[in-house]
């Protein structure tokens, strides 16, 4: 259970970081 929670938190952090990155084309 704890592992699953930590994994989900990690994914959320990664998604937030990606969203913060500026979009360059």
N, C-alpha and C. Protein backbone atom coordinates (compact mmCIF):
# COMPACT_ATOMS: atom_id res chain seq x y z
N UNK A 1 0.85 -1.20 0.00
CA UNK A 1 0.00 0.00 0.00
C UNK A 1 0.88 1.25 0.00
N UNK A 2 1.82 1.29 0.93
CA UNK A 2 2.69 2.47 1.01
C UNK A 2 3.42 2.68 -0.32
N UNK A 3 3.91 1.59 -0.90
CA UNK A 3 4.64 1.72 -2.17
C UNK A 3 3.74 2.34 -3.24
N UNK A 4 2.49 1.87 -3.33
CA UNK A 4 1.57 2.41 -4.33
C UNK A 4 1.38 3.90 -4.11
N UNK A 5 1.16 4.32 -2.88
CA UNK A 5 0.96 5.74 -2.59
C UNK A 5 2.18 6.55 -3.01
N UNK A 6 3.36 6.07 -2.67
CA UNK A 6 4.58 6.80 -3.02
C UNK A 6 4.71 6.88 -4.54
N UNK A 7 4.37 5.78 -5.22
CA UNK A 7 4.48 5.77 -6.68
C UNK A 7 3.54 6.82 -7.28
N UNK A 8 2.33 6.88 -6.77
CA UNK A 8 1.36 7.86 -7.30
C UNK A 8 1.87 9.27 -7.05
N UNK A 9 2.42 9.52 -5.87
CA UNK A 9 2.93 10.86 -5.57
C UNK A 9 4.06 11.20 -6.53
N UNK A 10 4.93 10.24 -6.81
CA UNK A 10 6.04 10.49 -7.74
C UNK A 10 5.50 10.88 -9.10
N UNK A 11 4.50 10.16 -9.57
CA UNK A 11 3.94 10.46 -10.90
C UNK A 11 3.34 11.87 -10.89
N UNK A 12 2.66 12.23 -9.82
CA UNK A 12 2.06 13.58 -9.76
C UNK A 12 3.16 14.63 -9.82
N UNK A 13 4.26 14.41 -9.09
CA UNK A 13 5.36 15.38 -9.10
C UNK A 13 5.92 15.49 -10.51
N UNK A 14 6.11 14.36 -11.17
CA UNK A 14 6.66 14.40 -12.53
C UNK A 14 5.72 15.18 -13.45
N UNK A 15 4.42 14.93 -13.35
CA UNK A 15 3.46 15.63 -14.21
C UNK A 15 3.51 17.13 -13.93
N UNK A 16 3.57 17.51 -12.66
CA UNK A 16 3.61 18.93 -12.33
C UNK A 16 4.86 19.56 -12.93
N UNK A 17 6.01 18.89 -12.82
CA UNK A 17 7.25 19.43 -13.36
C UNK A 17 7.11 19.61 -14.87
N UNK A 18 6.53 18.62 -15.55
CA UNK A 18 6.37 18.72 -17.00
C UNK A 18 5.48 19.91 -17.35
N UNK A 19 4.42 20.10 -16.59
CA UNK A 19 3.51 21.22 -16.86
C UNK A 19 4.23 22.55 -16.64
N UNK A 20 5.15 22.60 -15.68
CA UNK A 20 5.86 23.85 -15.39
C UNK A 20 6.85 24.19 -16.50
N UNK A 21 7.34 23.16 -17.21
CA UNK A 21 8.31 23.42 -18.27
C UNK A 21 7.68 24.27 -19.37
N UNK A 22 8.43 25.23 -19.89
CA UNK A 22 7.92 26.09 -20.98
C UNK A 22 7.85 25.31 -22.28
N UNK A 23 6.82 25.58 -23.06
CA UNK A 23 6.66 24.85 -24.33
C UNK A 23 7.44 25.56 -25.43
N UNK A 24 8.39 24.85 -26.02
CA UNK A 24 9.18 25.45 -27.10
C UNK A 24 9.07 24.58 -28.35
N UNK A 25 8.78 25.21 -29.48
CA UNK A 25 8.66 24.44 -30.72
C UNK A 25 9.68 24.92 -31.73
